Amino acid sequence: MATIALLTISNIFMTIAWYGHLKFKGSPLWKVIVVSWAIAFVEYCFQVPANRIGHYQFTAAQLKTMQEVITLVVFSVFSVVYLQEDLKWNYLVGFGLMVLAVFVIFSDW
């Protein structure tokens, strides 16, 4: 659970760093880059330990897959709540297909 919690916190910061500036289109690009890098530093403070701890239990491919699914969930909430964008049905279908990929990757074949 520590890995999932750390990856979730990491992804919250990552999403803010990557997409939070979209509401500040009037700000100079250099400022949003500096702020985004500062936020990304905090993201790495959670992401690196998450992967270090998680690699004792999961493969790197499994960790990356978990991270992608967590990213989709965090981004979906962020997009609707912060950016006030619609979550369309085709996005959900695409995300569902990615969740299906989790099943494939985590299954023992």
N, C-alpha and C. Protein backbone atom coordinates (compact mmCIF):
# COMPACT_ATOMS: atom_id res chain seq x y z
N MET A 1 0.81 -1.21 0.00
CA MET A 1 0.00 0.00 0.00
C MET A 1 0.85 1.26 0.00
N ALA A 2 2.04 1.20 0.59
CA ALA A 2 2.91 2.38 0.61
C ALA A 2 3.26 2.82 -0.81
N THR A 3 3.52 1.85 -1.67
CA THR A 3 3.87 2.18 -3.05
C THR A 3 2.72 2.90 -3.74
N ILE A 4 1.52 2.38 -3.59
CA ILE A 4 0.35 2.99 -4.23
C ILE A 4 0.09 4.38 -3.66
N ALA A 5 0.21 4.54 -2.36
CA ALA A 5 -0.02 5.85 -1.74
C ALA A 5 1.02 6.86 -2.23
N LEU A 6 2.29 6.45 -2.25
CA LEU A 6 3.35 7.36 -2.71
C LEU A 6 3.19 7.70 -4.19
N LEU A 7 2.82 6.71 -5.01
CA LEU A 7 2.60 6.98 -6.43
C LEU A 7 1.41 7.93 -6.64
N THR A 8 0.39 7.79 -5.82
CA THR A 8 -0.77 8.68 -5.93
C THR A 8 -0.39 10.11 -5.58
N ILE A 9 0.33 10.29 -4.47
CA ILE A 9 0.78 11.64 -4.09
C ILE A 9 1.69 12.20 -5.18
N SER A 10 2.60 11.39 -5.66
CA SER A 10 3.50 11.80 -6.74
C SER A 10 2.72 12.27 -7.96
N ASN A 11 1.70 11.52 -8.33
CA ASN A 11 0.93 11.86 -9.52
C ASN A 11 0.08 13.11 -9.34
N ILE A 12 -0.34 13.38 -8.14
CA ILE A 12 -1.06 14.64 -7.88
C ILE A 12 -0.13 15.81 -8.18
N PHE A 13 1.08 15.76 -7.65
CA PHE A 13 2.05 16.83 -7.92
C PHE A 13 2.43 16.89 -9.40
N MET A 14 2.61 15.72 -10.03
CA MET A 14 2.97 15.70 -11.43
C MET A 14 1.88 16.34 -12.30
N THR A 15 0.64 16.02 -12.01
CA THR A 15 -0.47 16.57 -12.79
C THR A 15 -0.55 18.07 -12.62
N ILE A 16 -0.35 18.55 -11.41
CA ILE A 16 -0.34 20.00 -11.17
C ILE A 16 0.81 20.65 -11.92
N ALA A 17 1.99 20.02 -11.89
CA ALA A 17 3.16 20.59 -12.58
C ALA A 17 2.94 20.62 -14.09
N TRP A 18 2.37 19.57 -14.63
CA TRP A 18 2.21 19.48 -16.08
C TRP A 18 1.04 20.29 -16.62
N TYR A 19 -0.06 20.36 -15.85
CA TYR A 19 -1.28 20.94 -16.40
C TYR A 19 -1.85 22.12 -15.61
N GLY A 20 -1.37 22.36 -14.42
CA GLY A 20 -1.90 23.44 -13.59
C GLY A 20 -1.74 24.82 -14.21
N HIS A 21 -0.68 25.00 -14.97
CA HIS A 21 -0.40 26.31 -15.58
C HIS A 21 -1.37 26.66 -16.70
N LEU A 22 -2.16 25.70 -17.15
CA LEU A 22 -3.08 25.98 -18.26
C LEU A 22 -4.12 27.03 -17.92
N LYS A 23 -4.36 27.26 -16.63
CA LYS A 23 -5.27 28.32 -16.21
C LYS A 23 -4.58 29.67 -16.14
N PHE A 24 -3.28 29.71 -16.36
CA PHE A 24 -2.50 30.94 -16.24
C PHE A 24 -1.82 31.26 -17.57
N LYS A 25 -2.59 31.25 -18.63
CA LYS A 25 -2.03 31.46 -19.97
C LYS A 25 -1.44 32.85 -20.16
N GLY A 26 -1.82 33.79 -19.30
CA GLY A 26 -1.27 35.14 -19.39
C GLY A 26 0.07 35.29 -18.71
N SER A 27 0.47 34.30 -17.92
CA SER A 27 1.76 34.36 -17.23
C SER A 27 2.89 34.07 -18.21
N PRO A 28 4.03 34.71 -18.00
CA PRO A 28 5.18 34.45 -18.88
C PRO A 28 5.58 32.98 -18.83
N LEU A 29 5.95 32.46 -19.97
CA LEU A 29 6.30 31.04 -20.07
C LEU A 29 7.44 30.67 -19.12
N TRP A 30 8.43 31.53 -18.98
CA TRP A 30 9.56 31.19 -18.11
C TRP A 30 9.12 31.03 -16.67
N LYS A 31 8.12 31.81 -16.24
CA LYS A 31 7.63 31.68 -14.85
C LYS A 31 6.91 30.36 -14.63
N VAL A 32 6.06 29.98 -15.58
CA VAL A 32 5.35 28.71 -15.39
C VAL A 32 6.30 27.53 -15.49
N ILE A 33 7.37 27.67 -16.26
CA ILE A 33 8.37 26.60 -16.32
C ILE A 33 9.07 26.46 -14.97
N VAL A 34 9.48 27.57 -14.38
CA VAL A 34 10.17 27.52 -13.08
C VAL A 34 9.24 26.95 -12.00
N VAL A 35 8.01 27.42 -11.97
CA VAL A 35 7.06 26.91 -10.98
C VAL A 35 6.80 25.42 -11.21
N SER A 36 6.62 25.03 -12.47
CA SER A 36 6.38 23.62 -12.78
C SER A 36 7.56 22.75 -12.36
N TRP A 37 8.78 23.22 -12.57
CA TRP A 37 9.95 22.47 -12.15
C TRP A 37 10.02 22.34 -10.63
N ALA A 38 9.64 23.38 -9.93
CA ALA A 38 9.63 23.32 -8.46
C ALA A 38 8.61 22.29 -7.97
N ILE A 39 7.46 22.27 -8.59
CA ILE A 39 6.43 21.29 -8.22
C ILE A 39 6.90 19.89 -8.59
N ALA A 40 7.55 19.76 -9.74
CA ALA A 40 8.05 18.46 -10.19
C ALA A 40 9.11 17.91 -9.23
N PHE A 41 9.89 18.79 -8.61
CA PHE A 41 10.86 18.33 -7.62
C PHE A 41 10.16 17.62 -6.46
N VAL A 42 9.05 18.21 -6.00
CA VAL A 42 8.27 17.58 -4.92
C VAL A 42 7.72 16.24 -5.41
N GLU A 43 7.28 16.22 -6.65
CA GLU A 43 6.76 14.97 -7.24
C GLU A 43 7.81 13.87 -7.18
N TYR A 44 9.03 14.21 -7.54
CA TYR A 44 10.12 13.23 -7.52
C TYR A 44 10.43 12.75 -6.11
N CYS A 45 10.21 13.59 -5.12
CA CYS A 45 10.46 13.20 -3.73
C CYS A 45 9.51 12.09 -3.28
N PHE A 46 8.41 11.91 -3.97
CA PHE A 46 7.48 10.81 -3.69
C PHE A 46 7.64 9.67 -4.69
N GLN A 47 7.92 10.01 -5.94
CA GLN A 47 7.99 9.00 -7.00
C GLN A 47 9.20 8.08 -6.84
N VAL A 48 10.35 8.64 -6.54
CA VAL A 48 11.56 7.82 -6.41
C VAL A 48 11.42 6.81 -5.26
N PRO A 49 11.00 7.24 -4.06
CA PRO A 49 10.81 6.24 -3.00
C PRO A 49 9.72 5.22 -3.34
N ALA A 50 8.67 5.66 -4.02
CA ALA A 50 7.60 4.72 -4.41
C ALA A 50 8.16 3.59 -5.26
N ASN A 51 8.96 3.95 -6.24
CA ASN A 51 9.53 2.92 -7.11
C ASN A 51 10.60 2.10 -6.41
N ARG A 52 11.37 2.73 -5.55
CA ARG A 52 12.40 2.00 -4.80
C ARG A 52 11.75 0.96 -3.89
N ILE A 53 10.75 1.40 -3.13
CA ILE A 53 10.03 0.49 -2.22
C ILE A 53 9.27 -0.57 -3.03
N GLY A 54 8.59 -0.12 -4.07
CA GLY A 54 7.75 -1.01 -4.85
C GLY A 54 8.51 -2.08 -5.61
N HIS A 55 9.76 -1.81 -5.96
CA HIS A 55 10.51 -2.77 -6.76
C HIS A 55 10.90 -4.02 -5.98
N TYR A 56 10.73 -3.99 -4.66
CA TYR A 56 10.94 -5.21 -3.88
C TYR A 56 9.79 -6.19 -4.09
N GLN A 57 8.63 -5.68 -4.46
CA GLN A 57 7.43 -6.51 -4.61
C GLN A 57 6.98 -6.64 -6.06
N PHE A 58 7.21 -5.62 -6.88
CA PHE A 58 6.72 -5.58 -8.24
C PHE A 58 7.87 -5.46 -9.23
N THR A 59 7.61 -5.87 -10.47
CA THR A 59 8.59 -5.64 -11.53
C THR A 59 8.48 -4.18 -11.97
N ALA A 60 9.48 -3.73 -12.71
CA ALA A 60 9.46 -2.35 -13.22
C ALA A 60 8.25 -2.14 -14.14
N ALA A 61 7.93 -3.14 -14.95
CA ALA A 61 6.76 -3.02 -15.84
C ALA A 61 5.47 -2.91 -15.03
N GLN A 62 5.37 -3.65 -13.95
CA GLN A 62 4.18 -3.56 -13.10
C GLN A 62 4.10 -2.19 -12.42
N LEU A 63 5.23 -1.68 -11.95
CA LEU A 63 5.25 -0.35 -11.33
C LEU A 63 4.81 0.71 -12.33
N LYS A 64 5.33 0.62 -13.54
CA LYS A 64 4.97 1.60 -14.57
C LYS A 64 3.49 1.51 -14.91
N THR A 65 2.96 0.33 -14.96
CA THR A 65 1.54 0.14 -15.25
C THR A 65 0.68 0.73 -14.14
N MET A 66 1.04 0.48 -12.90
CA MET A 66 0.32 1.09 -11.77
C MET A 66 0.36 2.60 -11.86
N GLN A 67 1.53 3.13 -12.16
CA GLN A 67 1.70 4.58 -12.24
C GLN A 67 0.79 5.16 -13.32
N GLU A 68 0.68 4.49 -14.45
CA GLU A 68 -0.15 5.00 -15.55
C GLU A 68 -1.63 5.00 -15.18
N VAL A 69 -2.09 3.95 -14.52
CA VAL A 69 -3.49 3.90 -14.11
C VAL A 69 -3.78 4.97 -13.06
N ILE A 70 -2.88 5.12 -12.10
CA ILE A 70 -3.04 6.17 -11.09
C ILE A 70 -3.05 7.53 -11.76
N THR A 71 -2.17 7.73 -12.75
CA THR A 71 -2.13 8.99 -13.49
C THR A 71 -3.46 9.28 -14.16
N LEU A 72 -4.05 8.27 -14.77
CA LEU A 72 -5.35 8.47 -15.44
C LEU A 72 -6.44 8.87 -14.46
N VAL A 73 -6.46 8.24 -13.31
CA VAL A 73 -7.47 8.58 -12.30
C VAL A 73 -7.26 10.00 -11.79
N VAL A 74 -6.02 10.30 -11.41
CA VAL A 74 -5.71 11.64 -10.89
C VAL A 74 -5.99 12.70 -11.95
N PHE A 75 -5.56 12.44 -13.19
CA PHE A 75 -5.78 13.41 -14.26
C PHE A 75 -7.26 13.60 -14.54
N SER A 76 -8.03 12.53 -14.52
CA SER A 76 -9.47 12.65 -14.77
C SER A 76 -10.13 13.56 -13.75
N VAL A 77 -9.82 13.36 -12.49
CA VAL A 77 -10.38 14.21 -11.43
C VAL A 77 -9.91 15.65 -11.62
N PHE A 78 -8.62 15.84 -11.85
CA PHE A 78 -8.05 17.17 -12.04
C PHE A 78 -8.70 17.89 -13.23
N SER A 79 -8.86 17.17 -14.32
CA SER A 79 -9.43 17.74 -15.53
C SER A 79 -10.86 18.23 -15.31
N VAL A 80 -11.63 17.44 -14.60
CA VAL A 80 -13.04 17.81 -14.35
C VAL A 80 -13.13 18.90 -13.29
N VAL A 81 -12.42 18.75 -12.19
CA VAL A 81 -12.56 19.67 -11.05
C VAL A 81 -11.82 20.98 -11.29
N TYR A 82 -10.55 20.92 -11.69
CA TYR A 82 -9.74 22.12 -11.80
C TYR A 82 -9.88 22.80 -13.16
N LEU A 83 -9.75 22.02 -14.23
CA LEU A 83 -9.82 22.60 -15.57
C LEU A 83 -11.26 22.74 -16.07
N GLN A 84 -12.19 22.12 -15.36
CA GLN A 84 -13.62 22.16 -15.69
C GLN A 84 -13.88 21.68 -17.11
N GLU A 85 -13.21 20.60 -17.49
CA GLU A 85 -13.42 19.97 -18.78
C GLU A 85 -14.31 18.75 -18.60
N ASP A 86 -15.03 18.42 -19.66
CA ASP A 86 -15.90 17.25 -19.61
C ASP A 86 -15.08 15.97 -19.72
N LEU A 87 -15.55 14.95 -19.02
CA LEU A 87 -14.97 13.62 -19.13
C LEU A 87 -15.88 12.85 -20.08
N LYS A 88 -15.49 12.75 -21.33
CA LYS A 88 -16.34 12.18 -22.37
C LYS A 88 -16.31 10.66 -22.34
N TRP A 89 -17.33 10.07 -22.92
CA TRP A 89 -17.48 8.61 -22.89
C TRP A 89 -16.29 7.91 -23.56
N ASN A 90 -15.79 8.49 -24.65
CA ASN A 90 -14.68 7.83 -25.34
C ASN A 90 -13.39 7.87 -24.51
N TYR A 91 -13.23 8.89 -23.67
CA TYR A 91 -12.08 8.92 -22.75
C TYR A 91 -12.20 7.74 -21.78
N LEU A 92 -13.40 7.56 -21.24
CA LEU A 92 -13.62 6.48 -20.28
C LEU A 92 -13.39 5.11 -20.92
N VAL A 93 -13.83 4.93 -22.15
CA VAL A 93 -13.60 3.66 -22.84
C VAL A 93 -12.09 3.45 -23.03
N GLY A 94 -11.38 4.49 -23.47
CA GLY A 94 -9.93 4.38 -23.63
C GLY A 94 -9.24 4.07 -22.32
N PHE A 95 -9.66 4.73 -21.24
CA PHE A 95 -9.08 4.45 -19.93
C PHE A 95 -9.38 3.01 -19.51
N GLY A 96 -10.59 2.56 -19.82
CA GLY A 96 -10.96 1.18 -19.50
C GLY A 96 -10.08 0.17 -20.21
N LEU A 97 -9.73 0.47 -21.45
CA LEU A 97 -8.82 -0.41 -22.18
C LEU A 97 -7.45 -0.44 -21.54
N MET A 98 -7.04 0.69 -20.99
CA MET A 98 -5.75 0.72 -20.28
C MET A 98 -5.81 -0.09 -18.99
N VAL A 99 -6.95 -0.06 -18.34
CA VAL A 99 -7.12 -0.88 -17.13
C VAL A 99 -7.08 -2.36 -17.52
N LEU A 100 -7.63 -2.69 -18.67
CA LEU A 100 -7.54 -4.06 -19.17
C LEU A 100 -6.07 -4.45 -19.36
N ALA A 101 -5.25 -3.51 -19.77
CA ALA A 101 -3.81 -3.76 -19.90
C ALA A 101 -3.20 -4.14 -18.55
N VAL A 102 -3.70 -3.55 -17.48
CA VAL A 102 -3.22 -3.91 -16.14
C VAL A 102 -3.45 -5.39 -15.88
N PHE A 103 -4.63 -5.85 -16.23
CA PHE A 103 -4.94 -7.27 -16.05
C PHE A 103 -3.95 -8.14 -16.82
N VAL A 104 -3.67 -7.76 -18.06
CA VAL A 104 -2.76 -8.54 -18.89
C VAL A 104 -1.36 -8.54 -18.30
N ILE A 105 -0.89 -7.39 -17.85
CA ILE A 105 0.47 -7.27 -17.34
C ILE A 105 0.65 -7.98 -15.99
N PHE A 106 -0.38 -7.91 -15.13
CA PHE A 106 -0.26 -8.50 -13.80
C PHE A 106 -0.61 -9.99 -13.76
N SER A 107 -1.13 -10.53 -14.83
CA SER A 107 -1.49 -11.96 -14.86
C SER A 107 -0.26 -12.83 -15.08
N ASP A 108 -0.27 -13.99 -14.46
CA ASP A 108 0.79 -14.96 -14.69
C ASP A 108 0.35 -15.83 -15.86
N TRP A 109 1.06 -15.77 -16.95
CA TRP A 109 0.68 -16.51 -18.15
C TRP A 109 1.51 -17.74 -18.29
